Structures are given as C-alpha cells and as structure tokens.
Amino acid sequence: MKAIETTGSMDENGQLTLDSALDVTSPQRVRLIILLTEEDSAPDETPTQEVIEGIQQGFKEALSGQTLPLASMWEGIDAE
C-alpha cells in the first residue's frame, strides 16, 4: 500500500475536491483518512515531515510486534 498526503476542500454536500491532481496512472479504489480541523481548536503546528516520520515509526513497531496492551499504558497515570 502506498500513502499519499495532499490537501483539499469539502463542500456543504460532503463532496471532496483535491487541491491538485494525484500522480496515479490507472483508475483504482482508494482508502481515505480525512482530518478535519475543529472550529474551536488551533491548527496543528507539528511539521508535516515530523508527523509522517512518527506514523512510519509506529507502523514499523506495530509490524515487528513492538506493542503494549492498552491497559498497561494507563499504569502509573494518576487522573485528578
């Protein structure tokens, strides 16, 4: 699977329009992950390359079995 990051706009009918054409040579089905900016939050300040590197590292760790059970992630965290 190949990942492509791009930007676009969604209209009031939920139709998505990309800001530029993708470099894809044949028609095919795709999977989309849509990230919407919440109206009451500031835009993410994390540089795009840093985000991509973090996602790639997470995939590598998951594929190699370097995972933790979700329940163990909460150990030692005190909610007040």
PDB file of N, CA and C in Angstrom:
ATOM      1  N   MET A   1       0.844  -1.163   0.000  1.00  0.00           N
ATOM      2  CA  MET A   1       0.000   0.000   0.000  1.00  0.00           C
ATOM      3  C   MET A   1       0.896   1.235   0.000  1.00  0.00           C
ATOM      4  N   LYS A   2       0.521   2.232  -0.762  1.00  0.00           N
ATOM      5  CA  LYS A   2       1.276   3.478  -0.883  1.00  0.00           C
ATOM      6  C   LYS A   2       0.455   4.600  -0.236  1.00  0.00           C
ATOM      7  N   ALA A   3       1.107   5.467   0.512  1.00  0.00           N
ATOM      8  CA  ALA A   3       0.430   6.597   1.142  1.00  0.00           C
ATOM      9  C   ALA A   3       0.755   7.874   0.385  1.00  0.00           C
ATOM     10  N   ILE A   4      -0.259   8.688   0.163  1.00  0.00           N
ATOM     11  CA  ILE A   4      -0.098   9.986  -0.487  1.00  0.00           C
ATOM     12  C   ILE A   4      -0.765  11.015   0.413  1.00  0.00           C
ATOM     13  N   GLU A   5      -0.048  12.084   0.731  1.00  0.00           N
ATOM     14  CA  GLU A   5      -0.648  13.157   1.512  1.00  0.00           C
ATOM     15  C   GLU A   5      -0.916  14.333   0.589  1.00  0.00           C
ATOM     16  N   THR A   6      -2.111  14.872   0.675  1.00  0.00           N
ATOM     17  CA  THR A   6      -2.478  16.031  -0.121  1.00  0.00           C
ATOM     18  C   THR A   6      -3.527  16.823   0.648  1.00  0.00           C
ATOM     19  N   THR A   7      -3.955  17.921   0.109  1.00  0.00           N
ATOM     20  CA  THR A   7      -4.974  18.734   0.752  1.00  0.00           C
ATOM     21  C   THR A   7      -6.145  18.913  -0.202  1.00  0.00           C
ATOM     22  N   GLY A   8      -7.238  19.344   0.343  1.00  0.00           N
ATOM     23  CA  GLY A   8      -8.424  19.561  -0.473  1.00  0.00           C
ATOM     24  C   GLY A   8      -9.479  20.275   0.342  1.00  0.00           C
ATOM     25  N   SER A   9     -10.660  20.375  -0.237  1.00  0.00           N
ATOM     26  CA  SER A   9     -11.784  21.044   0.414  1.00  0.00           C
ATOM     27  C   SER A   9     -13.012  20.164   0.322  1.00  0.00           C
ATOM     28  N   MET A  10     -13.871  20.281   1.335  1.00  0.00           N
ATOM     29  CA  MET A  10     -15.129  19.560   1.332  1.00  0.00           C
ATOM     30  C   MET A  10     -16.247  20.596   1.281  1.00  0.00           C
ATOM     31  N   ASP A  11     -17.199  20.391   0.374  1.00  0.00           N
ATOM     32  CA  ASP A  11     -18.284  21.352   0.260  1.00  0.00           C
ATOM     33  C   ASP A  11     -19.432  20.987   1.199  1.00  0.00           C
ATOM     34  N   GLU A  12     -20.488  21.775   1.158  1.00  0.00           N
ATOM     35  CA  GLU A  12     -21.624  21.589   2.060  1.00  0.00           C
ATOM     36  C   GLU A  12     -22.370  20.277   1.814  1.00  0.00           C
ATOM     37  N   ASN A  13     -22.126  19.638   0.665  1.00  0.00           N
ATOM     38  CA  ASN A  13     -22.751  18.350   0.348  1.00  0.00           C
ATOM     39  C   ASN A  13     -21.843  17.171   0.685  1.00  0.00           C
ATOM     40  N   GLY A  14     -20.670  17.445   1.272  1.00  0.00           N
ATOM     41  CA  GLY A  14     -19.744  16.380   1.625  1.00  0.00           C
ATOM     42  C   GLY A  14     -18.886  15.906   0.466  1.00  0.00           C
ATOM     43  N   GLN A  15     -18.894  16.650  -0.637  1.00  0.00           N
ATOM     44  CA  GLN A  15     -18.085  16.284  -1.793  1.00  0.00           C
ATOM     45  C   GLN A  15     -16.669  16.819  -1.592  1.00  0.00           C
ATOM     46  N   LEU A  16     -15.682  15.958  -1.830  1.00  0.00           N
ATOM     47  CA  LEU A  16     -14.282  16.300  -1.633  1.00  0.00           C
ATOM     48  C   LEU A  16     -13.648  16.714  -2.954  1.00  0.00           C
ATOM     49  N   THR A  17     -12.918  17.834  -2.948  1.00  0.00           N
ATOM     50  CA  THR A  17     -12.177  18.306  -4.112  1.00  0.00           C
ATOM     51  C   THR A  17     -10.722  18.471  -3.702  1.00  0.00           C
ATOM     52  N   LEU A  18      -9.822  17.778  -4.394  1.00  0.00           N
ATOM     53  CA  LEU A  18      -8.398  17.877  -4.081  1.00  0.00           C
ATOM     54  C   LEU A  18      -7.827  19.164  -4.654  1.00  0.00           C
ATOM     55  N   ASP A  19      -6.816  19.720  -3.958  1.00  0.00           N
ATOM     56  CA  ASP A  19      -6.186  20.955  -4.431  1.00  0.00           C
ATOM     57  C   ASP A  19      -5.335  20.734  -5.673  1.00  0.00           C
ATOM     58  N   SER A  20      -4.850  19.515  -5.870  1.00  0.00           N
ATOM     59  CA  SER A  20      -4.067  19.209  -7.069  1.00  0.00           C
ATOM     60  C   SER A  20      -4.294  17.747  -7.453  1.00  0.00           C
ATOM     61  N   ALA A  21      -4.040  17.446  -8.715  1.00  0.00           N
ATOM     62  CA  ALA A  21      -4.219  16.075  -9.199  1.00  0.00           C
ATOM     63  C   ALA A  21      -3.161  15.163  -8.595  1.00  0.00           C
ATOM     64  N   LEU A  22      -3.532  13.896  -8.401  1.00  0.00           N
ATOM     65  CA  LEU A  22      -2.589  12.912  -7.887  1.00  0.00           C
ATOM     66  C   LEU A  22      -1.839  12.266  -9.045  1.00  0.00           C
ATOM     67  N   ASP A  23      -0.626  11.846  -8.794  1.00  0.00           N
ATOM     68  CA  ASP A  23       0.179  11.182  -9.818  1.00  0.00           C
ATOM     69  C   ASP A  23      -0.151   9.684  -9.821  1.00  0.00           C
ATOM     70  N   VAL A  24      -1.345   9.370 -10.300  1.00  0.00           N
ATOM     71  CA  VAL A  24      -1.823   7.989 -10.360  1.00  0.00           C
ATOM     72  C   VAL A  24      -2.117   7.692 -11.822  1.00  0.00           C
ATOM     73  N   THR A  25      -1.575   6.573 -12.322  1.00  0.00           N
ATOM     74  CA  THR A  25      -1.662   6.305 -13.759  1.00  0.00           C
ATOM     75  C   THR A  25      -2.840   5.439 -14.168  1.00  0.00           C
ATOM     76  N   SER A  26      -3.524   4.807 -13.221  1.00  0.00           N
ATOM     77  CA  SER A  26      -4.658   3.967 -13.598  1.00  0.00           C
ATOM     78  C   SER A  26      -5.785   4.124 -12.581  1.00  0.00           C
ATOM     79  N   PRO A  27      -7.035   3.978 -13.035  1.00  0.00           N
ATOM     80  CA  PRO A  27      -8.166   4.061 -12.104  1.00  0.00           C
ATOM     81  C   PRO A  27      -8.074   2.943 -11.072  1.00  0.00           C
ATOM     82  N   GLN A  28      -8.377   3.258  -9.815  1.00  0.00           N
ATOM     83  CA  GLN A  28      -8.352   2.250  -8.761  1.00  0.00           C
ATOM     84  C   GLN A  28      -9.117   2.735  -7.550  1.00  0.00           C
ATOM     85  N   ARG A  29      -9.527   1.799  -6.707  1.00  0.00           N
ATOM     86  CA  ARG A  29     -10.187   2.136  -5.450  1.00  0.00           C
ATOM     87  C   ARG A  29      -9.119   2.647  -4.486  1.00  0.00           C
ATOM     88  N   VAL A  30      -9.495   3.542  -3.579  1.00  0.00           N
ATOM     89  CA  VAL A  30      -8.575   4.084  -2.601  1.00  0.00           C
ATOM     90  C   VAL A  30      -9.236   4.068  -1.226  1.00  0.00           C
ATOM     91  N   ARG A  31      -8.397   4.143  -0.185  1.00  0.00           N
ATOM     92  CA  ARG A  31      -8.870   4.309   1.184  1.00  0.00           C
ATOM     93  C   ARG A  31      -8.477   5.707   1.614  1.00  0.00           C
ATOM     94  N   LEU A  32      -9.374   6.405   2.263  1.00  0.00           N
ATOM     95  CA  LEU A  32      -9.120   7.780   2.675  1.00  0.00           C
ATOM     96  C   LEU A  32      -9.159   7.910   4.191  1.00  0.00           C
ATOM     97  N   ILE A  33      -8.292   8.744   4.705  1.00  0.00           N
ATOM     98  CA  ILE A  33      -8.360   9.181   6.086  1.00  0.00           C
ATOM     99  C   ILE A  33      -8.509  10.694   6.007  1.00  0.00           C
ATOM    100  N   ILE A  34      -9.627  11.202   6.470  1.00  0.00           N
ATOM    101  CA  ILE A  34      -9.919  12.631   6.383  1.00  0.00           C
ATOM    102  C   ILE A  34      -9.657  13.265   7.748  1.00  0.00           C
ATOM    103  N   LEU A  35      -8.813  14.273   7.800  1.00  0.00           N
ATOM    104  CA  LEU A  35      -8.537  15.002   9.027  1.00  0.00           C
ATOM    105  C   LEU A  35      -9.212  16.359   8.931  1.00  0.00           C
ATOM    106  N   LEU A  36     -10.186  16.593   9.797  1.00  0.00           N
ATOM    107  CA  LEU A  36     -10.921  17.848   9.795  1.00  0.00           C
ATOM    108  C   LEU A  36     -10.417  18.744  10.911  1.00  0.00           C
ATOM    109  N   THR A  37     -10.252  20.023  10.616  1.00  0.00           N
ATOM    110  CA  THR A  37      -9.876  20.986  11.639  1.00  0.00           C
ATOM    111  C   THR A  37     -11.121  21.326  12.435  1.00  0.00           C
ATOM    112  N   GLU A  38     -11.029  21.167  13.768  1.00  0.00           N
ATOM    113  CA  GLU A  38     -12.154  21.524  14.611  1.00  0.00           C
ATOM    114  C   GLU A  38     -12.221  23.039  14.706  1.00  0.00           C
ATOM    115  N   GLU A  39     -13.431  23.575  14.660  1.00  0.00           N
ATOM    116  CA  GLU A  39     -13.614  25.026  14.623  1.00  0.00           C
ATOM    117  C   GLU A  39     -13.070  25.715  15.862  1.00  0.00           C
ATOM    118  N   ASP A  40     -13.103  25.035  17.024  1.00  0.00           N
ATOM    119  CA  ASP A  40     -12.678  25.685  18.261  1.00  0.00           C
ATOM    120  C   ASP A  40     -11.235  25.370  18.645  1.00  0.00           C
ATOM    121  N   SER A  41     -10.459  24.789  17.730  1.00  0.00           N
ATOM    122  CA  SER A  41      -9.072  24.463  18.068  1.00  0.00           C
ATOM    123  C   SER A  41      -8.110  25.174  17.118  1.00  0.00           C
ATOM    124  N   ALA A  42      -6.898  25.374  17.616  1.00  0.00           N
ATOM    125  CA  ALA A  42      -5.854  25.997  16.793  1.00  0.00           C
ATOM    126  C   ALA A  42      -5.314  24.973  15.812  1.00  0.00           C
ATOM    127  N   PRO A  43      -4.848  25.390  14.653  1.00  0.00           N
ATOM    128  CA  PRO A  43      -4.268  24.442  13.699  1.00  0.00           C
ATOM    129  C   PRO A  43      -3.046  23.743  14.296  1.00  0.00           C
ATOM    130  N   ASP A  44      -2.815  22.522  13.853  1.00  0.00           N
ATOM    131  CA  ASP A  44      -1.676  21.745  14.332  1.00  0.00           C
ATOM    132  C   ASP A  44      -0.388  22.412  13.871  1.00  0.00           C
ATOM    133  N   GLU A  45       0.526  22.597  14.795  1.00  0.00           N
ATOM    134  CA  GLU A  45       1.795  23.254  14.493  1.00  0.00           C
ATOM    135  C   GLU A  45       2.913  22.258  14.187  1.00  0.00           C
ATOM    136  N   THR A  46       2.624  20.951  14.254  1.00  0.00           N
ATOM    137  CA  THR A  46       3.647  19.944  14.022  1.00  0.00           C
ATOM    138  C   THR A  46       4.004  19.907  12.536  1.00  0.00           C
ATOM    139  N   PRO A  47       5.290  20.005  12.188  1.00  0.00           N
ATOM    140  CA  PRO A  47       5.691  19.949  10.774  1.00  0.00           C
ATOM    141  C   PRO A  47       5.260  18.624  10.134  1.00  0.00           C
ATOM    142  N   THR A  48       4.807  18.687   8.903  1.00  0.00           N
ATOM    143  CA  THR A  48       4.295  17.519   8.195  1.00  0.00           C
ATOM    144  C   THR A  48       5.301  16.379   8.174  1.00  0.00           C
ATOM    145  N   GLN A  49       6.552  16.649   7.878  1.00  0.00           N
ATOM    146  CA  GLN A  49       7.559  15.592   7.799  1.00  0.00           C
ATOM    147  C   GLN A  49       7.710  14.876   9.132  1.00  0.00           C
ATOM    148  N   GLU A  50       7.644  15.624  10.216  1.00  0.00           N
ATOM    149  CA  GLU A  50       7.747  15.024  11.560  1.00  0.00           C
ATOM    150  C   GLU A  50       6.561  14.090  11.818  1.00  0.00           C
ATOM    151  N   VAL A  51       5.387  14.481  11.394  1.00  0.00           N
ATOM    152  CA  VAL A  51       4.199  13.645  11.558  1.00  0.00           C
ATOM    153  C   VAL A  51       4.346  12.361  10.742  1.00  0.00           C
ATOM    154  N   ILE A  52       4.772  12.482   9.496  1.00  0.00           N
ATOM    155  CA  ILE A  52       4.951  11.312   8.626  1.00  0.00           C
ATOM    156  C   ILE A  52       5.970  10.355   9.218  1.00  0.00           C
ATOM    157  N   GLU A  53       7.086  10.875   9.717  1.00  0.00           N
ATOM    158  CA  GLU A  53       8.116  10.028  10.318  1.00  0.00           C
ATOM    159  C   GLU A  53       7.574   9.298  11.545  1.00  0.00           C
ATOM    160  N   GLY A  54       6.768   9.968  12.351  1.00  0.00           N
ATOM    161  CA  GLY A  54       6.172   9.339  13.524  1.00  0.00           C
ATOM    162  C   GLY A  54       5.217   8.219  13.150  1.00  0.00           C
ATOM    163  N   ILE A  55       4.407   8.436  12.122  1.00  0.00           N
ATOM    164  CA  ILE A  55       3.482   7.403  11.655  1.00  0.00           C
ATOM    165  C   ILE A  55       4.259   6.213  11.103  1.00  0.00           C
ATOM    166  N   GLN A  56       5.291   6.470  10.311  1.00  0.00           N
ATOM    167  CA  GLN A  56       6.097   5.381   9.757  1.00  0.00           C
ATOM    168  C   GLN A  56       6.759   4.571  10.864  1.00  0.00           C
ATOM    169  N   GLN A  57       7.284   5.243  11.889  1.00  0.00           N
ATOM    170  CA  GLN A  57       7.911   4.550  13.009  1.00  0.00           C
ATOM    171  C   GLN A  57       6.885   3.699  13.741  1.00  0.00           C
ATOM    172  N   GLY A  58       5.688   4.231  13.930  1.00  0.00           N
ATOM    173  CA  GLY A  58       4.625   3.476  14.595  1.00  0.00           C
ATOM    174  C   GLY A  58       4.244   2.224  13.818  1.00  0.00           C
ATOM    175  N   PHE A  59       4.154   2.322  12.494  1.00  0.00           N
ATOM    176  CA  PHE A  59       3.853   1.154  11.661  1.00  0.00           C
ATOM    177  C   PHE A  59       4.948   0.106  11.784  1.00  0.00           C
ATOM    178  N   LYS A  60       6.204   0.541  11.741  1.00  0.00           N
ATOM    179  CA  LYS A  60       7.325  -0.404  11.856  1.00  0.00           C
ATOM    180  C   LYS A  60       7.258  -1.143  13.187  1.00  0.00           C
ATOM    181  N   GLU A  61       7.001  -0.408  14.274  1.00  0.00           N
ATOM    182  CA  GLU A  61       6.920  -1.029  15.588  1.00  0.00           C
ATOM    183  C   GLU A  61       5.744  -2.000  15.667  1.00  0.00           C
ATOM    184  N   ALA A  62       4.605  -1.614  15.122  1.00  0.00           N
ATOM    185  CA  ALA A  62       3.432  -2.495  15.156  1.00  0.00           C
ATOM    186  C   ALA A  62       3.671  -3.764  14.348  1.00  0.00           C
ATOM    187  N   LEU A  63       4.264  -3.623  13.167  1.00  0.00           N
ATOM    188  CA  LEU A  63       4.508  -4.786  12.309  1.00  0.00           C
ATOM    189  C   LEU A  63       5.548  -5.731  12.892  1.00  0.00           C
ATOM    190  N   SER A  64       6.476  -5.198  13.694  1.00  0.00           N
ATOM    191  CA  SER A  64       7.508  -6.049  14.286  1.00  0.00           C
ATOM    192  C   SER A  64       7.092  -6.572  15.660  1.00  0.00           C
ATOM    193  N   GLY A  65       5.858  -6.285  16.069  1.00  0.00           N
ATOM    194  CA  GLY A  65       5.355  -6.799  17.334  1.00  0.00           C
ATOM    195  C   GLY A  65       5.756  -5.986  18.546  1.00  0.00           C
ATOM    196  N   GLN A  66       6.320  -4.812  18.347  1.00  0.00           N
ATOM    197  CA  GLN A  66       6.736  -3.957  19.462  1.00  0.00           C
ATOM    198  C   GLN A  66       5.539  -3.143  19.942  1.00  0.00           C
ATOM    199  N   THR A  67       4.595  -3.828  20.587  1.00  0.00           N
ATOM    200  CA  THR A  67       3.372  -3.174  21.041  1.00  0.00           C
ATOM    201  C   THR A  67       3.173  -3.405  22.529  1.00  0.00           C
ATOM    202  N   LEU A  68       2.322  -2.595  23.124  1.00  0.00           N
ATOM    203  CA  LEU A  68       1.948  -2.730  24.528  1.00  0.00           C
ATOM    204  C   LEU A  68       0.438  -2.882  24.604  1.00  0.00           C
ATOM    205  N   PRO A  69      -0.061  -3.711  25.535  1.00  0.00           N
ATOM    206  CA  PRO A  69      -1.514  -3.761  25.730  1.00  0.00           C
ATOM    207  C   PRO A  69      -2.008  -2.383  26.181  1.00  0.00           C
ATOM    208  N   LEU A  70      -3.146  -1.980  25.697  1.00  0.00           N
ATOM    209  CA  LEU A  70      -3.682  -0.659  26.015  1.00  0.00           C
ATOM    210  C   LEU A  70      -3.827  -0.467  27.519  1.00  0.00           C
ATOM    211  N   ALA A  71      -4.273  -1.499  28.230  1.00  0.00           N
ATOM    212  CA  ALA A  71      -4.470  -1.383  29.675  1.00  0.00           C
ATOM    213  C   ALA A  71      -3.171  -1.033  30.387  1.00  0.00           C
ATOM    214  N   SER A  72      -2.045  -1.547  29.922  1.00  0.00           N
ATOM    215  CA  SER A  72      -0.771  -1.279  30.587  1.00  0.00           C
ATOM    216  C   SER A  72      -0.289   0.156  30.356  1.00  0.00           C
ATOM    217  N   MET A  73      -0.799   0.813  29.337  1.00  0.00           N
ATOM    218  CA  MET A  73      -0.391   2.186  29.070  1.00  0.00           C
ATOM    219  C   MET A  73      -0.907   3.142  30.136  1.00  0.00           C
ATOM    220  N   TRP A  74      -1.969   2.764  30.851  1.00  0.00           N
ATOM    221  CA  TRP A  74      -2.557   3.626  31.872  1.00  0.00           C
ATOM    222  C   TRP A  74      -1.913   3.429  33.244  1.00  0.00           C
ATOM    223  N   GLU A  75      -1.100   2.391  33.394  1.00  0.00           N
ATOM    224  CA  GLU A  75      -0.463   2.139  34.681  1.00  0.00           C
ATOM    225  C   GLU A  75       0.445   3.311  35.053  1.00  0.00           C
ATOM    226  N   GLY A  76       0.322   3.761  36.279  1.00  0.00           N
ATOM    227  CA  GLY A  76       1.160   4.856  36.755  1.00  0.00           C
ATOM    228  C   GLY A  76       0.648   6.245  36.431  1.00  0.00           C
ATOM    229  N   ILE A  77      -0.471   6.334  35.700  1.00  0.00           N
ATOM    230  CA  ILE A  77      -1.040   7.634  35.390  1.00  0.00           C
ATOM    231  C   ILE A  77      -2.126   7.924  36.421  1.00  0.00           C
ATOM    232  N   ASP A  78      -1.966   9.015  37.151  1.00  0.00           N
ATOM    233  CA  ASP A  78      -2.948   9.399  38.158  1.00  0.00           C
ATOM    234  C   ASP A  78      -3.808  10.514  37.617  1.00  0.00           C
ATOM    235  N   ALA A  79      -5.095  10.214  37.414  1.00  0.00           N
ATOM    236  CA  ALA A  79      -6.030  11.240  36.944  1.00  0.00           C
ATOM    237  C   ALA A  79      -6.568  12.003  38.141  1.00  0.00           C
ATOM    238  N   GLU A  80      -6.573  13.300  38.058  1.00  0.00           N
ATOM    239  CA  GLU A  80      -7.085  14.124  39.162  1.00  0.00           C
ATOM    240  C   GLU A  80      -8.292  14.883  38.727  1.00  0.00           C
TER     241      GLU A  80
END
